[in-house]
Amino acid sequence: ALTVLAVFAASQIAEDKEPVYISALLSFGNLVSHKQSYIKSALLSNSLWSAKKVWGQVMEYRISKEYECIASYMTKKNNDAAQKEDSVKSGIYFSVLSKIVSDMAFYPVDKVWCYEFILKYANEGAVEFERVYQIIVDYEFASFRLKQEPKQAFKYYLQKSGKKRYGTSNLHICIGLSLNYIGELKGLRDTLLVSRSWNKLFRHKVYRAMLKVKADKIRLPLWQTLLNGSAMMYSITGKLDTSTEKGKLLEESIRLDVVRSFHRYSEEEQTAIINILCTYASFDKTVEYCQGMHCIAGFLYLMYKSEETAFNMMWTLFSKYQLADYFQQDRPHLKAAFYQLNQLIAIFLPRLHSHLSSKSISSAHFASPWLLTIFTYTVQSAKTAAPCLVLRVFDEFVTSGSKGLFKSAVFVLEHFEEKLVESRCDGVVKFLAEVPKTNFFDDPEIEKKYEERIKKYPITQELLDKLASQHKELYNIAEKRQMPAQA
C-alpha cells in the first residue's frame, strides 16, 4: 500500500509541481529509506527529481514557512519580526539550504547544478563563507558515504575534521581539500608518501581505513610496519643468567606459564615462545617478566612463526605503546587504567555501573587480563591461534593505542550487559572469566557487531588523560590522609 501511495503521489506531483507536496514527499522518502529501501527506489525512478525548477520551489516554500514560524514567535513575544529579519535571515537560509542539499545527495540531481543552487541561495540569504563551505563538504560527504572506496572516505573525513564547527584554517581541512589536486596518488596509502609531516599526521588513520577494507590481506605486514617487526633490534638469545637464584626462578616461571597456557601446541613452538620471553627479560631489567606477557609473546609468534619478528614487535609494544607501564612494580598505571575503565562504564553503561557498584565490584576484579594481554589471553582457550575478534582488537590497539583497548573492553561489557545485570555478586566475575571458553571471540557475527559499535564510543585521548589526572589527584589525596601525623 505504501509503495502504491508513493508512486501515485510522485506521478501527481510531476504534473502540477506543488512545492508543499514535494517537500512532504522528500521527508517521506528520507524517513522510510533506511527501513524500506524499495519505497525509496520507487521515488527515485520518477523524473520529478531532475527538474531544477522543482528544487527552487521547494527551497522558497520552506524558507517562507520558516519566516512564518519566526514571525508567529515574535508576535507572541510582542516583538516586531521585521526588525529582527536581518539577524535571522542568514540563519534561516543556512538551515533550509543544509536540509535541501542533504536531500539532493540522495536523489539524481546534477552535481554542478547543485553547486550553483547552493551559491545562488547562499548569496541571496547572505550566508557566511564558512557556512557555505560546510554545506558543500556535507553534500560531498553524503554523496560518497555509502561507497567503500577508502581514499574518498578519508578525504572527506579530513575536510570535516576541523577543530571549529565552521572554519577553514585547520590543517586537516586544508590537506583534505588539497587531495583533490594531487593526481599521482593512486591509492589511500600513497598519501603517506607526500611528506614526512603527512606520514606522521595520518599514518594510523590511513592504516585503520585500509584494515576495514582488506584486513585479511594486509594485516600481518601492516602490524609489522607499525611495530617495527622487520627492524632487528636485538638477537634472540633465549637465555637468562641462571647462576643466580633470581634468574633460575624467573626462567622456571616463564616455562611454567608457557607450557600451561600453550599446551595444545608443539614443544618446538613452546620453546620459541620461552626464548622470546627469556630474551626480553634479559634486556628489560625494570620489568623482566610478569604473568600475562607470555600471552602476547605467544600470540605474536603464532602469527609470524619467527622468534626475531615476534620479539621486536613485542619490544615496540612495551616501549613505544607503553605497555610495560602496566607491569611496573605496584602497578600504578594499571590501577589508573582500572579507574579509567570504571568511569567509562559509568559514562556508556550507567545501568551496569550501578549494578557493579551495588555489589562492590570494580573493573580490577575482571579486566586485568583484558588490559595486560590486549585480550590475547583468549587464544589459549580458542579453537584457533587467531580468533577473529582478537585480531580486530589488536588492529584497534596498534592503530589507536589505549583508546582502542578501552573501546574493546566497553564493547564486551555492553554485549553481555543484560546477563551481567541479572548476575549475583560472584556471578559477574565468574561469567566474564568463562567467556573465552565460548565461541564469542571467534564468531564472525560478533566481529561485525564490534565494527559497528566501537565507532559509537567517543573515547578520545583527551578524555583518557583527564580521567588519569583525576585518578592521580584522588590517589594523592588518599596518600596524604594515610600519612601519620607529624609532631
Foldseek 3Di string as FASTA:
>chain_A
DLLVVLLVLLVVCQVVLQLVSVLVSLVVLVVCCVPDVVSVVSNQVRPSLADPVSLVNNLVVQLVVVLVVVCVVCVVVVHHSVVCCLVCLQVSLLVSLLVSLLSNLSHPYDPVVNLVVLVVSCVVSVHDPLSSLVSNLVSQCSNPVVDLQLQSNQLSCLLCPDPDNGDQPRPSNVVSVCVVVPPVCPHLVCQLVPDVVSCVVCVLVSLLSVCVRCVVVCVPVSLCVLLVLVDQDDDQPLADPVVDVVRVVLLVVLLVLLCVLPVVDDPVLSSLLSSLLCRVLRVPVQQSDDPLLSLQLSLQCVVPVDSRSSSSSSVSCCPVLVLVLCRGPVRPVVVLVQLLLLVLCCVPPVLLSVLCVVLVHTCVLACVNCSNNVPSSLCSQDPDSCAPQSSVLVSQCSSPRVLSSSLSVSLVCVVCVVVLSPDDNVRNRVVSVCVSNDCQSRDVVNNVVSVVRSVVRPDDPVSSVVSSVVVVVVVVVVVVVPDDDDD
